[in-house]
PDB file of N, CA and C in Angstrom:
ATOM      1  N   UNK A   1     134.671  59.245 144.450  1.00  0.00           N
ATOM      2  CA  UNK A   1     133.552  59.641 143.635  1.00  0.00           C
ATOM      3  C   UNK A   1     132.753  58.402 143.238  1.00  0.00           C
ATOM      4  N   UNK A   2     131.460  58.511 143.310  1.00  0.00           N
ATOM      5  CA  UNK A   2     130.597  57.387 142.984  1.00  0.00           C
ATOM      6  C   UNK A   2     130.476  57.205 141.469  1.00  0.00           C
ATOM      7  N   UNK A   3     130.505  55.975 141.066  1.00  0.00           N
ATOM      8  CA  UNK A   3     130.310  55.623 139.662  1.00  0.00           C
ATOM      9  C   UNK A   3     128.971  54.917 139.460  1.00  0.00           C
ATOM     10  N   UNK A   4     128.099  54.989 140.456  1.00  0.00           N
ATOM     11  CA  UNK A   4     126.836  54.260 140.400  1.00  0.00           C
ATOM     12  C   UNK A   4     125.941  54.666 139.236  1.00  0.00           C
ATOM     13  N   UNK A   5     126.160  55.849 138.677  1.00  0.00           N
ATOM     14  CA  UNK A   5     125.362  56.266 137.519  1.00  0.00           C
ATOM     15  C   UNK A   5     125.573  55.336 136.323  1.00  0.00           C
ATOM     16  N   UNK A   6     126.618  54.537 136.348  1.00  0.00           N
ATOM     17  CA  UNK A   6     126.911  53.592 135.272  1.00  0.00           C
ATOM     18  C   UNK A   6     126.041  52.338 135.333  1.00  0.00           C
ATOM     19  N   UNK A   7     125.400  52.113 136.463  1.00  0.00           N
ATOM     20  CA  UNK A   7     124.537  50.948 136.622  1.00  0.00           C
ATOM     21  C   UNK A   7     123.129  51.339 136.202  1.00  0.00           C
ATOM     22  N   UNK A   8     122.578  50.580 135.250  1.00  0.00           N
ATOM     23  CA  UNK A   8     121.267  50.911 134.707  1.00  0.00           C
ATOM     24  C   UNK A   8     120.304  49.746 134.877  1.00  0.00           C
ATOM     25  N   UNK A   9     119.030  50.078 134.866  1.00  0.00           N
ATOM     26  CA  UNK A   9     117.949  49.098 134.968  1.00  0.00           C
ATOM     27  C   UNK A   9     116.982  49.350 133.823  1.00  0.00           C
ATOM     28  N   UNK A  10     116.679  48.318 133.062  1.00  0.00           N
ATOM     29  CA  UNK A  10     115.730  48.429 131.962  1.00  0.00           C
ATOM     30  C   UNK A  10     114.947  47.128 131.898  1.00  0.00           C
ATOM     31  N   UNK A  11     113.630  47.179 132.087  1.00  0.00           N
ATOM     32  CA  UNK A  11     112.829  45.954 132.060  1.00  0.00           C
ATOM     33  C   UNK A  11     112.941  45.197 130.741  1.00  0.00           C
ATOM     34  N   UNK A  12     113.344  45.875 129.686  1.00  0.00           N
ATOM     35  CA  UNK A  12     113.484  45.232 128.371  1.00  0.00           C
ATOM     36  C   UNK A  12     114.878  44.638 128.150  1.00  0.00           C
ATOM     37  N   UNK A  13     115.759  44.806 129.118  1.00  0.00           N
ATOM     38  CA  UNK A  13     117.150  44.363 128.969  1.00  0.00           C
ATOM     39  C   UNK A  13     117.517  43.438 130.116  1.00  0.00           C
ATOM     40  N   UNK A  14     117.868  42.220 129.806  1.00  0.00           N
ATOM     41  CA  UNK A  14     118.302  41.240 130.816  1.00  0.00           C
ATOM     42  C   UNK A  14     117.273  41.077 131.929  1.00  0.00           C
ATOM     43  N   UNK A  15     116.006  41.116 131.567  1.00  0.00           N
ATOM     44  CA  UNK A  15     114.950  40.913 132.554  1.00  0.00           C
ATOM     45  C   UNK A  15     114.899  41.960 133.639  1.00  0.00           C
ATOM     46  N   UNK A  16     115.419  43.145 133.375  1.00  0.00           N
ATOM     47  CA  UNK A  16     115.404  44.216 134.365  1.00  0.00           C
ATOM     48  C   UNK A  16     116.508  44.130 135.393  1.00  0.00           C
ATOM     49  N   UNK A  17     117.403  43.166 135.233  1.00  0.00           N
ATOM     50  CA  UNK A  17     118.524  43.046 136.166  1.00  0.00           C
ATOM     51  C   UNK A  17     119.497  44.209 135.957  1.00  0.00           C
ATOM     52  N   UNK A  18     120.233  44.576 137.001  1.00  0.00           N
ATOM     53  CA  UNK A  18     121.178  45.692 136.864  1.00  0.00           C
ATOM     54  C   UNK A  18     122.276  45.366 135.847  1.00  0.00           C
ATOM     55  N   UNK A  19     122.505  46.308 134.936  1.00  0.00           N
ATOM     56  CA  UNK A  19     123.496  46.163 133.875  1.00  0.00           C
ATOM     57  C   UNK A  19     124.437  47.357 133.885  1.00  0.00           C
ATOM     58  N   UNK A  20     125.442  47.257 133.058  1.00  0.00           N
ATOM     59  CA  UNK A  20     126.420  48.332 132.947  1.00  0.00           C
ATOM     60  C   UNK A  20     126.088  49.187 131.726  1.00  0.00           C
ATOM     61  N   UNK A  21     125.820  50.454 131.971  1.00  0.00           N
ATOM     62  CA  UNK A  21     125.599  51.471 130.938  1.00  0.00           C
ATOM     63  C   UNK A  21     124.651  51.030 129.830  1.00  0.00           C
ATOM     64  N   UNK A  22     123.590  50.319 130.186  1.00  0.00           N
ATOM     65  CA  UNK A  22     122.590  49.942 129.204  1.00  0.00           C
ATOM     66  C   UNK A  22     123.025  48.836 128.260  1.00  0.00           C
ATOM     67  N   UNK A  23     124.165  48.223 128.534  1.00  0.00           N
ATOM     68  CA  UNK A  23     124.645  47.116 127.714  1.00  0.00           C
ATOM     69  C   UNK A  23     124.122  45.807 128.293  1.00  0.00           C
ATOM     70  N   UNK A  24     124.269  44.755 127.555  1.00  0.00           N
ATOM     71  CA  UNK A  24     123.854  43.432 128.018  1.00  0.00           C
ATOM     72  C   UNK A  24     124.960  42.762 128.832  1.00  0.00           C
ATOM     73  N   UNK A  25     125.570  43.528 129.696  1.00  0.00           N
ATOM     74  CA  UNK A  25     126.564  43.020 130.636  1.00  0.00           C
ATOM     75  C   UNK A  25     125.993  43.276 132.018  1.00  0.00           C
ATOM     76  N   UNK A  26     125.607  42.179 132.677  1.00  0.00           N
ATOM     77  CA  UNK A  26     124.976  42.315 133.987  1.00  0.00           C
ATOM     78  C   UNK A  26     126.018  42.540 135.080  1.00  0.00           C
ATOM     79  N   UNK A  27     125.608  43.236 136.109  1.00  0.00           N
ATOM     80  CA  UNK A  27     126.453  43.420 137.291  1.00  0.00           C
ATOM     81  C   UNK A  27     126.883  42.050 137.806  1.00  0.00           C
ATOM     82  N   UNK A  28     125.955  41.116 137.844  1.00  0.00           N
ATOM     83  CA  UNK A  28     126.253  39.770 138.352  1.00  0.00           C
ATOM     84  C   UNK A  28     127.338  39.078 137.524  1.00  0.00           C
ATOM     85  N   UNK A  29     127.365  39.321 136.213  1.00  0.00           N
ATOM     86  CA  UNK A  29     128.394  38.710 135.363  1.00  0.00           C
ATOM     87  C   UNK A  29     129.785  39.156 135.780  1.00  0.00           C
ATOM     88  N   UNK A  30     129.938  40.442 136.017  1.00  0.00           N
ATOM     89  CA  UNK A  30     131.246  40.978 136.404  1.00  0.00           C
ATOM     90  C   UNK A  30     131.609  40.530 137.814  1.00  0.00           C
ATOM     91  N   UNK A  31     130.634  40.505 138.708  1.00  0.00           N
ATOM     92  CA  UNK A  31     130.907  40.014 140.066  1.00  0.00           C
ATOM     93  C   UNK A  31     131.343  38.555 140.041  1.00  0.00           C
ATOM     94  N   UNK A  32     130.699  37.745 139.209  1.00  0.00           N
ATOM     95  CA  UNK A  32     131.095  36.341 139.086  1.00  0.00           C
ATOM     96  C   UNK A  32     132.536  36.203 138.597  1.00  0.00           C
ATOM     97  N   UNK A  33     132.905  37.015 137.622  1.00  0.00           N
ATOM     98  CA  UNK A  33     134.282  36.979 137.118  1.00  0.00           C
ATOM     99  C   UNK A  33     135.276  37.368 138.211  1.00  0.00           C
ATOM    100  N   UNK A  34     134.973  38.424 138.937  1.00  0.00           N
ATOM    101  CA  UNK A  34     135.861  38.851 140.021  1.00  0.00           C
ATOM    102  C   UNK A  34     135.954  37.784 141.104  1.00  0.00           C
ATOM    103  N   UNK A  35     134.826  37.174 141.443  1.00  0.00           N
ATOM    104  CA  UNK A  35     134.816  36.137 142.478  1.00  0.00           C
ATOM    105  C   UNK A  35     135.615  34.911 142.041  1.00  0.00           C
ATOM    106  N   UNK A  36     135.652  34.659 140.742  1.00  0.00           N
ATOM    107  CA  UNK A  36     136.405  33.521 140.220  1.00  0.00           C
ATOM    108  C   UNK A  36     137.898  33.812 140.116  1.00  0.00           C
ATOM    109  N   UNK A  37     138.286  35.055 140.437  1.00  0.00           N
ATOM    110  CA  UNK A  37     139.707  35.394 140.457  1.00  0.00           C
ATOM    111  C   UNK A  37     140.187  36.212 139.275  1.00  0.00           C
ATOM    112  N   UNK A  38     139.287  36.596 138.377  1.00  0.00           N
ATOM    113  CA  UNK A  38     139.706  37.423 137.242  1.00  0.00           C
ATOM    114  C   UNK A  38     140.115  38.807 137.748  1.00  0.00           C
ATOM    115  N   UNK A  39     141.153  39.331 137.166  1.00  0.00           N
ATOM    116  CA  UNK A  39     141.592  40.679 137.527  1.00  0.00           C
ATOM    117  C   UNK A  39     140.805  41.697 136.705  1.00  0.00           C
ATOM    118  N   UNK A  40     140.855  42.926 137.140  1.00  0.00           N
ATOM    119  CA  UNK A  40     140.199  43.989 136.379  1.00  0.00           C
ATOM    120  C   UNK A  40     140.764  44.048 134.964  1.00  0.00           C
ATOM    121  N   UNK A  41     142.068  43.933 134.845  1.00  0.00           N
ATOM    122  CA  UNK A  41     142.700  43.998 133.524  1.00  0.00           C
ATOM    123  C   UNK A  41     142.239  42.849 132.631  1.00  0.00           C
ATOM    124  N   UNK A  42     142.095  41.655 133.192  1.00  0.00           N
ATOM    125  CA  UNK A  42     141.607  40.521 132.401  1.00  0.00           C
ATOM    126  C   UNK A  42     140.182  40.755 131.912  1.00  0.00           C
ATOM    127  N   UNK A  43     139.346  41.294 132.774  1.00  0.00           N
ATOM    128  CA  UNK A  43     137.960  41.574 132.397  1.00  0.00           C
ATOM    129  C   UNK A  43     137.921  42.615 131.284  1.00  0.00           C
ATOM    130  N   UNK A  44     138.715  43.659 131.418  1.00  0.00           N
ATOM    131  CA  UNK A  44     138.740  44.709 130.390  1.00  0.00           C
ATOM    132  C   UNK A  44     139.276  44.181 129.060  1.00  0.00           C
ATOM    133  N   UNK A  45     140.177  43.230 129.121  1.00  0.00           N
ATOM    134  CA  UNK A  45     140.694  42.621 127.891  1.00  0.00           C
ATOM    135  C   UNK A  45     139.613  41.781 127.217  1.00  0.00           C
ATOM    136  N   UNK A  46     138.841  41.029 128.015  1.00  0.00           N
ATOM    137  CA  UNK A  46     137.783  40.174 127.478  1.00  0.00           C
ATOM    138  C   UNK A  46     136.556  40.968 127.045  1.00  0.00           C
ATOM    139  N   UNK A  47     136.342  42.121 127.647  1.00  0.00           N
ATOM    140  CA  UNK A  47     135.201  42.989 127.344  1.00  0.00           C
ATOM    141  C   UNK A  47     135.734  44.380 127.012  1.00  0.00           C
ATOM    142  N   UNK A  48     136.291  44.559 125.824  1.00  0.00           N
ATOM    143  CA  UNK A  48     136.973  45.824 125.505  1.00  0.00           C
ATOM    144  C   UNK A  48     136.068  47.051 125.493  1.00  0.00           C
ATOM    145  N   UNK A  49     134.777  46.853 125.470  1.00  0.00           N
ATOM    146  CA  UNK A  49     133.842  47.979 125.494  1.00  0.00           C
ATOM    147  C   UNK A  49     133.554  48.454 126.917  1.00  0.00           C
ATOM    148  N   UNK A  50     134.067  47.736 127.917  1.00  0.00           N
ATOM    149  CA  UNK A  50     133.940  48.185 129.303  1.00  0.00           C
ATOM    150  C   UNK A  50     135.096  49.105 129.654  1.00  0.00           C
ATOM    151  N   UNK A  51     134.880  49.875 130.701  1.00  0.00           N
ATOM    152  CA  UNK A  51     135.910  50.784 131.210  1.00  0.00           C
ATOM    153  C   UNK A  51     136.180  50.450 132.673  1.00  0.00           C
ATOM    154  N   UNK A  52     137.349  50.827 133.143  1.00  0.00           N
ATOM    155  CA  UNK A  52     137.735  50.558 134.529  1.00  0.00           C
ATOM    156  C   UNK A  52     136.667  51.079 135.494  1.00  0.00           C
ATOM    157  N   UNK A  53     136.087  52.223 135.181  1.00  0.00           N
ATOM    158  CA  UNK A  53     135.063  52.811 136.043  1.00  0.00           C
ATOM    159  C   UNK A  53     133.803  51.944 136.110  1.00  0.00           C
ATOM    160  N   UNK A  54     133.556  51.149 135.072  1.00  0.00           N
ATOM    161  CA  UNK A  54     132.413  50.230 135.095  1.00  0.00           C
ATOM    162  C   UNK A  54     132.602  49.168 136.171  1.00  0.00           C
ATOM    163  N   UNK A  55     133.803  48.658 136.286  1.00  0.00           N
ATOM    164  CA  UNK A  55     134.083  47.643 137.307  1.00  0.00           C
ATOM    165  C   UNK A  55     133.985  48.265 138.694  1.00  0.00           C
ATOM    166  N   UNK A  56     134.475  49.481 138.832  1.00  0.00           N
ATOM    167  CA  UNK A  56     134.329  50.190 140.105  1.00  0.00           C
ATOM    168  C   UNK A  56     132.849  50.358 140.444  1.00  0.00           C
ATOM    169  N   UNK A  57     132.045  50.699 139.459  1.00  0.00           N
ATOM    170  CA  UNK A  57     130.602  50.866 139.677  1.00  0.00           C
ATOM    171  C   UNK A  57     129.966  49.557 140.143  1.00  0.00           C
ATOM    172  N   UNK A  58     130.365  48.451 139.548  1.00  0.00           N
ATOM    173  CA  UNK A  58     129.845  47.135 139.949  1.00  0.00           C
ATOM    174  C   UNK A  58     130.163  46.870 141.417  1.00  0.00           C
ATOM    175  N   UNK A  59     131.378  47.135 141.815  1.00  0.00           N
ATOM    176  CA  UNK A  59     131.774  46.902 143.207  1.00  0.00           C
ATOM    177  C   UNK A  59     131.050  47.849 144.160  1.00  0.00           C
ATOM    178  N   UNK A  60     130.893  49.093 143.772  1.00  0.00           N
ATOM    179  CA  UNK A  60     130.144  50.036 144.607  1.00  0.00           C
ATOM    180  C   UNK A  60     128.687  49.600 144.740  1.00  0.00           C
ATOM    181  N   UNK A  61     128.090  49.154 143.649  1.00  0.00           N
ATOM    182  CA  UNK A  61     126.710  48.698 143.667  1.00  0.00           C
ATOM    183  C   UNK A  61     126.565  47.499 144.607  1.00  0.00           C
ATOM    184  N   UNK A  62     127.465  46.538 144.482  1.00  0.00           N
ATOM    185  CA  UNK A  62     127.415  45.349 145.333  1.00  0.00           C
ATOM    186  C   UNK A  62     127.605  45.713 146.799  1.00  0.00           C
ATOM    187  N   UNK A  63     128.511  46.627 147.070  1.00  0.00           N
ATOM    188  CA  UNK A  63     128.752  47.042 148.453  1.00  0.00           C
ATOM    189  C   UNK A  63     127.508  47.674 149.061  1.00  0.00           C
ATOM    190  N   UNK A  64     126.834  48.475 148.298  1.00  0.00           N
ATOM    191  CA  UNK A  64     125.609  49.117 148.816  1.00  0.00           C
ATOM    192  C   UNK A  64     124.487  48.109 149.009  1.00  0.00           C
ATOM    193  N   UNK A  65     124.418  47.127 148.134  1.00  0.00           N
ATOM    194  CA  UNK A  65     123.348  46.127 148.229  1.00  0.00           C
ATOM    195  C   UNK A  65     123.543  45.202 149.427  1.00  0.00           C
ATOM    196  N   UNK A  66     124.763  45.084 149.900  1.00  0.00           N
ATOM    197  CA  UNK A  66     125.037  44.202 151.041  1.00  0.00           C
ATOM    198  C   UNK A  66     125.105  44.931 152.362  1.00  0.00           C
ATOM    199  N   UNK A  67     124.857  46.216 152.357  1.00  0.00           N
ATOM    200  CA  UNK A  67     124.901  47.000 153.587  1.00  0.00           C
ATOM    201  C   UNK A  67     123.530  46.966 154.260  1.00  0.00           C
ATOM    202  N   UNK A  68     123.295  45.892 155.006  1.00  0.00           N
ATOM    203  CA  UNK A  68     122.013  45.697 155.686  1.00  0.00           C
ATOM    204  C   UNK A  68     122.238  44.968 157.000  1.00  0.00           C
ATOM    205  N   UNK A  69     121.319  45.046 157.906  1.00  0.00           N
ATOM    206  CA  UNK A  69     121.457  44.310 159.164  1.00  0.00           C
ATOM    207  C   UNK A  69     121.430  42.803 158.914  1.00  0.00           C
ATOM    208  N   UNK A  70     122.235  42.077 159.637  1.00  0.00           N
ATOM    209  CA  UNK A  70     122.286  40.623 159.481  1.00  0.00           C
ATOM    210  C   UNK A  70     121.015  39.938 159.942  1.00  0.00           C
ATOM    211  N   UNK A  71     120.227  40.615 160.752  1.00  0.00           N
ATOM    212  CA  UNK A  71     119.011  40.014 161.290  1.00  0.00           C
ATOM    213  C   UNK A  71     118.024  39.564 160.224  1.00  0.00           C
ATOM    214  N   UNK A  72     118.120  40.116 159.029  1.00  0.00           N
ATOM    215  CA  UNK A  72     117.157  39.715 157.994  1.00  0.00           C
ATOM    216  C   UNK A  72     117.388  38.283 157.525  1.00  0.00           C
ATOM    217  N   UNK A  73     118.565  37.715 157.837  1.00  0.00           N
ATOM    218  CA  UNK A  73     118.860  36.361 157.414  1.00  0.00           C
ATOM    219  C   UNK A  73     118.583  35.335 158.522  1.00  0.00           C
ATOM    220  N   UNK A  74     118.207  35.802 159.683  1.00  0.00           N
ATOM    221  CA  UNK A  74     117.929  34.878 160.792  1.00  0.00           C
ATOM    222  C   UNK A  74     116.731  34.012 160.446  1.00  0.00           C
ATOM    223  N   UNK A  75     116.862  32.732 160.725  1.00  0.00           N
ATOM    224  CA  UNK A  75     115.768  31.790 160.420  1.00  0.00           C
ATOM    225  C   UNK A  75     114.847  31.648 161.593  1.00  0.00           C
TER     226      UNK A  75
END
Protein backbone atom coordinates (compact mmCIF):
# COMPACT_ATOMS: atom_id res chain seq x y z
CA UNK A 1 0.00 0.00 0.00
CA UNK A 2 1.30 3.43 -0.90
CA UNK A 3 2.01 5.92 1.84
CA UNK A 4 2.72 8.76 -0.59
CA UNK A 5 -0.25 10.74 0.75
CA UNK A 6 2.01 11.52 3.73
CA UNK A 7 4.33 13.60 1.55
CA UNK A 8 3.14 17.18 1.29
CA UNK A 9 4.18 20.29 -0.61
CA UNK A 10 3.53 23.81 0.67
CA UNK A 11 5.24 26.88 -0.79
CA UNK A 12 5.09 28.47 2.67
CA UNK A 13 6.87 25.53 4.33
CA UNK A 14 10.54 24.70 3.78
CA UNK A 15 10.57 26.60 0.50
CA UNK A 16 8.05 24.23 -1.06
CA UNK A 17 10.31 21.22 -0.67
CA UNK A 18 8.59 17.88 -0.01
CA UNK A 19 7.87 17.39 3.70
CA UNK A 20 6.23 14.82 5.89
CA UNK A 21 2.57 15.46 6.76
CA UNK A 22 2.89 19.24 6.64
CA UNK A 23 5.60 19.28 9.31
CA UNK A 24 8.96 20.97 8.98
CA UNK A 25 10.64 17.62 8.39
CA UNK A 26 11.84 17.42 4.82
CA UNK A 27 12.00 14.21 2.83
CA UNK A 28 15.66 15.03 2.21
CA UNK A 29 16.34 15.18 5.97
CA UNK A 30 15.11 11.64 6.50
CA UNK A 31 16.91 10.37 3.40
CA UNK A 32 20.14 11.93 4.67
CA UNK A 33 19.72 10.17 8.02
CA UNK A 34 19.07 6.83 6.34
CA UNK A 35 22.04 7.31 4.00
CA UNK A 36 24.25 8.05 7.01
CA UNK A 37 23.28 4.68 8.49
CA UNK A 38 20.52 5.64 10.92
CA UNK A 39 17.96 2.92 11.43
CA UNK A 40 14.24 3.52 11.26
CA UNK A 41 14.02 2.97 15.00
CA UNK A 42 16.75 5.56 15.66
CA UNK A 43 14.96 8.12 13.50
CA UNK A 44 11.66 7.48 15.28
CA UNK A 45 13.39 7.88 18.64
CA UNK A 46 14.94 11.21 17.58
CA UNK A 47 11.69 12.41 15.96
CA UNK A 48 8.93 11.00 18.18
CA UNK A 49 6.22 12.79 16.21
CA UNK A 50 7.05 10.72 13.12
CA UNK A 51 5.55 7.33 12.41
CA UNK A 52 7.04 4.26 10.73
CA UNK A 53 4.74 4.89 7.76
CA UNK A 54 6.33 8.33 7.31
CA UNK A 55 9.71 6.73 6.69
CA UNK A 56 8.11 4.28 4.28
CA UNK A 57 6.55 7.24 2.46
CA UNK A 58 9.96 8.93 2.19
CA UNK A 59 11.46 5.82 0.62
CA UNK A 60 8.53 5.38 -1.76
CA UNK A 61 8.78 9.04 -2.78
CA UNK A 62 12.52 8.73 -3.42
CA UNK A 63 12.05 5.53 -5.40
CA UNK A 64 9.51 7.17 -7.67
CA UNK A 65 11.67 10.25 -8.16
CA UNK A 66 14.59 8.11 -9.33
CA UNK A 67 12.60 6.01 -11.77
CA UNK A 68 13.75 7.68 -14.99
CA UNK A 69 15.85 6.82 -18.02
CA UNK A 70 19.58 7.21 -17.45
CA UNK A 71 19.91 9.11 -20.71
CA UNK A 72 18.91 12.35 -19.02
CA UNK A 73 22.28 12.39 -17.25
CA UNK A 74 24.36 11.91 -20.40
CA UNK A 75 26.69 14.84 -21.00
